Amino acid sequence: MTRFHSGGGSPQDIGLLGDIAKNMLGRTFCPLGDAAALPMISIVEKFRGEFEDHLNGKPCPTSIPTGW
């Protein structure tokens, strides 16, 4: 995510994030693994368009305006 957000990401990274999270789901000894995987799966599925927009140079839509 850090590399992606800093502008070094690629379109394949979007799917990779989801694939890594899906591979973690139900396969870790620690139950916190599922707790980390589930939000990432949802984020990639629901906000894929925003990830793609970010790759195309559009700013994050949730940026807080200056002066707040």
N, C-alpha and C. Protein backbone atom coordinates (compact mmCIF):
# COMPACT_ATOMS: atom_id res chain seq x y z
N MET A 1 0.81 -1.19 0.00
CA MET A 1 0.00 0.00 0.00
C MET A 1 0.86 1.26 0.00
N THR A 2 1.95 1.25 0.73
CA THR A 2 2.80 2.44 0.79
C THR A 2 3.37 2.74 -0.59
N ARG A 3 3.89 1.73 -1.26
CA ARG A 3 4.45 1.92 -2.60
C ARG A 3 3.37 2.39 -3.56
N PHE A 4 2.21 1.80 -3.47
CA PHE A 4 1.09 2.17 -4.33
C PHE A 4 0.71 3.62 -4.11
N HIS A 5 0.56 4.02 -2.86
CA HIS A 5 0.13 5.38 -2.53
C HIS A 5 1.18 6.42 -2.91
N SER A 6 2.45 6.05 -2.88
CA SER A 6 3.49 7.01 -3.21
C SER A 6 3.71 7.14 -4.72
N GLY A 7 2.93 6.42 -5.52
CA GLY A 7 3.01 6.57 -6.97
C GLY A 7 3.80 5.48 -7.66
N GLY A 8 4.29 4.49 -6.93
CA GLY A 8 5.09 3.43 -7.52
C GLY A 8 4.30 2.16 -7.79
N GLY A 9 2.98 2.22 -7.71
CA GLY A 9 2.16 1.03 -7.90
C GLY A 9 1.89 0.75 -9.36
N SER A 10 1.35 -0.45 -9.61
CA SER A 10 0.97 -0.85 -10.96
C SER A 10 -0.44 -1.44 -10.90
N PRO A 11 -1.10 -1.57 -12.05
CA PRO A 11 -2.44 -2.15 -12.05
C PRO A 11 -2.49 -3.56 -11.45
N GLN A 12 -1.42 -4.31 -11.60
CA GLN A 12 -1.39 -5.67 -11.05
C GLN A 12 -1.39 -5.66 -9.52
N ASP A 13 -0.90 -4.58 -8.93
CA ASP A 13 -0.85 -4.48 -7.47
C ASP A 13 -2.24 -4.50 -6.84
N ILE A 14 -3.24 -3.99 -7.54
CA ILE A 14 -4.60 -3.97 -7.00
C ILE A 14 -5.07 -5.40 -6.77
N GLY A 15 -4.93 -6.23 -7.78
CA GLY A 15 -5.32 -7.63 -7.64
C GLY A 15 -4.45 -8.37 -6.65
N LEU A 16 -3.17 -8.02 -6.62
CA LEU A 16 -2.23 -8.67 -5.70
C LEU A 16 -2.62 -8.43 -4.25
N LEU A 17 -3.05 -7.22 -3.93
CA LEU A 17 -3.49 -6.91 -2.57
C LEU A 17 -4.66 -7.82 -2.16
N GLY A 18 -5.61 -7.96 -3.06
CA GLY A 18 -6.75 -8.82 -2.77
C GLY A 18 -6.36 -10.29 -2.67
N ASP A 19 -5.46 -10.73 -3.56
CA ASP A 19 -5.02 -12.13 -3.54
C ASP A 19 -4.28 -12.47 -2.25
N ILE A 20 -3.41 -11.58 -1.81
CA ILE A 20 -2.67 -11.82 -0.57
C ILE A 20 -3.64 -11.92 0.60
N ALA A 21 -4.60 -11.00 0.66
CA ALA A 21 -5.58 -11.03 1.75
C ALA A 21 -6.41 -12.31 1.71
N LYS A 22 -6.83 -12.74 0.53
CA LYS A 22 -7.61 -13.98 0.42
C LYS A 22 -6.79 -15.20 0.83
N ASN A 23 -5.51 -15.19 0.54
CA ASN A 23 -4.65 -16.30 0.96
C ASN A 23 -4.45 -16.33 2.46
N MET A 24 -4.51 -15.19 3.12
CA MET A 24 -4.36 -15.14 4.58
C MET A 24 -5.61 -15.67 5.27
N LEU A 25 -6.76 -15.46 4.66
CA LEU A 25 -8.04 -15.77 5.27
C LEU A 25 -8.16 -17.26 5.60
N GLY A 26 -8.28 -17.56 6.87
CA GLY A 26 -8.46 -18.93 7.33
C GLY A 26 -7.20 -19.78 7.33
N ARG A 27 -6.05 -19.18 7.06
CA ARG A 27 -4.81 -19.94 6.97
C ARG A 27 -3.75 -19.54 7.98
N THR A 28 -4.11 -18.68 8.89
CA THR A 28 -3.13 -18.26 9.89
C THR A 28 -3.48 -18.87 11.23
N PHE A 29 -2.46 -19.10 12.05
CA PHE A 29 -2.69 -19.63 13.39
C PHE A 29 -3.35 -18.59 14.29
N CYS A 30 -3.01 -17.35 14.03
CA CYS A 30 -3.53 -16.26 14.85
C CYS A 30 -4.85 -15.76 14.26
N PRO A 31 -5.89 -15.62 15.07
CA PRO A 31 -7.16 -15.13 14.55
C PRO A 31 -7.08 -13.68 14.04
N LEU A 32 -6.04 -12.98 14.44
CA LEU A 32 -5.90 -11.61 13.95
C LEU A 32 -5.57 -11.57 12.46
N GLY A 33 -5.09 -12.68 11.91
CA GLY A 33 -4.83 -12.75 10.47
C GLY A 33 -6.11 -12.54 9.69
N ASP A 34 -7.20 -13.19 10.11
CA ASP A 34 -8.49 -12.98 9.46
C ASP A 34 -8.98 -11.55 9.66
N ALA A 35 -8.72 -11.02 10.84
CA ALA A 35 -9.15 -9.65 11.13
C ALA A 35 -8.44 -8.64 10.23
N ALA A 36 -7.23 -8.96 9.81
CA ALA A 36 -6.50 -8.07 8.90
C ALA A 36 -6.91 -8.31 7.45
N ALA A 37 -7.24 -9.55 7.11
CA ALA A 37 -7.55 -9.89 5.73
C ALA A 37 -8.92 -9.39 5.28
N LEU A 38 -9.91 -9.53 6.12
CA LEU A 38 -11.28 -9.19 5.72
C LEU A 38 -11.45 -7.73 5.28
N PRO A 39 -10.93 -6.75 6.02
CA PRO A 39 -11.08 -5.37 5.54
C PRO A 39 -10.36 -5.13 4.21
N MET A 40 -9.20 -5.74 4.02
CA MET A 40 -8.47 -5.53 2.77
C MET A 40 -9.24 -6.10 1.58
N ILE A 41 -9.84 -7.27 1.77
CA ILE A 41 -10.65 -7.87 0.70
C ILE A 41 -11.79 -6.93 0.33
N SER A 42 -12.48 -6.40 1.33
CA SER A 42 -13.60 -5.49 1.08
C SER A 42 -13.14 -4.20 0.41
N ILE A 43 -12.03 -3.66 0.87
CA ILE A 43 -11.52 -2.41 0.30
C ILE A 43 -11.21 -2.58 -1.18
N VAL A 44 -10.54 -3.66 -1.53
CA VAL A 44 -10.18 -3.88 -2.94
C VAL A 44 -11.43 -4.10 -3.78
N GLU A 45 -12.40 -4.85 -3.26
CA GLU A 45 -13.61 -5.11 -4.03
C GLU A 45 -14.48 -3.87 -4.20
N LYS A 46 -14.65 -3.09 -3.13
CA LYS A 46 -15.57 -1.96 -3.18
C LYS A 46 -14.96 -0.68 -3.75
N PHE A 47 -13.65 -0.54 -3.65
CA PHE A 47 -13.02 0.71 -4.06
C PHE A 47 -11.99 0.52 -5.16
N ARG A 48 -12.11 -0.53 -5.94
CA ARG A 48 -11.16 -0.81 -7.02
C ARG A 48 -11.04 0.39 -7.97
N GLY A 49 -12.16 1.02 -8.27
CA GLY A 49 -12.14 2.19 -9.16
C GLY A 49 -11.30 3.32 -8.62
N GLU A 50 -11.31 3.52 -7.33
CA GLU A 50 -10.50 4.58 -6.73
C GLU A 50 -9.02 4.23 -6.78
N PHE A 51 -8.70 2.95 -6.62
CA PHE A 51 -7.31 2.52 -6.79
C PHE A 51 -6.85 2.80 -8.22
N GLU A 52 -7.71 2.47 -9.19
CA GLU A 52 -7.36 2.69 -10.60
C GLU A 52 -7.23 4.18 -10.90
N ASP A 53 -8.13 4.99 -10.35
CA ASP A 53 -8.03 6.44 -10.53
C ASP A 53 -6.72 6.97 -9.98
N HIS A 54 -6.31 6.46 -8.83
CA HIS A 54 -5.06 6.90 -8.21
C HIS A 54 -3.87 6.59 -9.11
N LEU A 55 -3.92 5.42 -9.77
CA LEU A 55 -2.84 5.08 -10.71
C LEU A 55 -2.80 6.04 -11.89
N ASN A 56 -3.96 6.57 -12.27
CA ASN A 56 -4.04 7.48 -13.40
C ASN A 56 -3.79 8.93 -13.01
N GLY A 57 -3.31 9.15 -11.78
CA GLY A 57 -2.91 10.49 -11.37
C GLY A 57 -3.98 11.31 -10.68
N LYS A 58 -5.16 10.75 -10.48
CA LYS A 58 -6.20 11.50 -9.78
C LYS A 58 -5.90 11.48 -8.28
N PRO A 59 -6.21 12.57 -7.57
CA PRO A 59 -5.94 12.61 -6.12
C PRO A 59 -6.91 11.72 -5.36
N CYS A 60 -6.55 11.42 -4.14
CA CYS A 60 -7.42 10.62 -3.28
C CYS A 60 -8.69 11.43 -3.02
N PRO A 61 -9.87 10.80 -3.17
CA PRO A 61 -11.11 11.55 -2.96
C PRO A 61 -11.38 11.88 -1.51
N THR A 62 -10.69 11.24 -0.59
CA THR A 62 -10.93 11.48 0.83
C THR A 62 -9.93 12.44 1.44
N SER A 63 -9.18 13.14 0.61
CA SER A 63 -8.19 14.08 1.14
C SER A 63 -8.89 15.15 1.97
N ILE A 64 -8.29 15.49 3.09
CA ILE A 64 -8.84 16.53 3.95
C ILE A 64 -8.35 17.88 3.42
N PRO A 65 -9.26 18.80 3.17
CA PRO A 65 -8.84 20.11 2.66
C PRO A 65 -7.94 20.83 3.66
N THR A 66 -7.05 21.66 3.15
CA THR A 66 -6.18 22.43 4.04
C THR A 66 -7.04 23.42 4.81
N GLY A 67 -6.62 23.73 6.01
CA GLY A 67 -7.36 24.64 6.85
C GLY A 67 -8.28 23.96 7.84
N TRP A 68 -8.34 22.65 7.80
CA TRP A 68 -9.20 21.91 8.74
C TRP A 68 -8.49 21.74 10.04
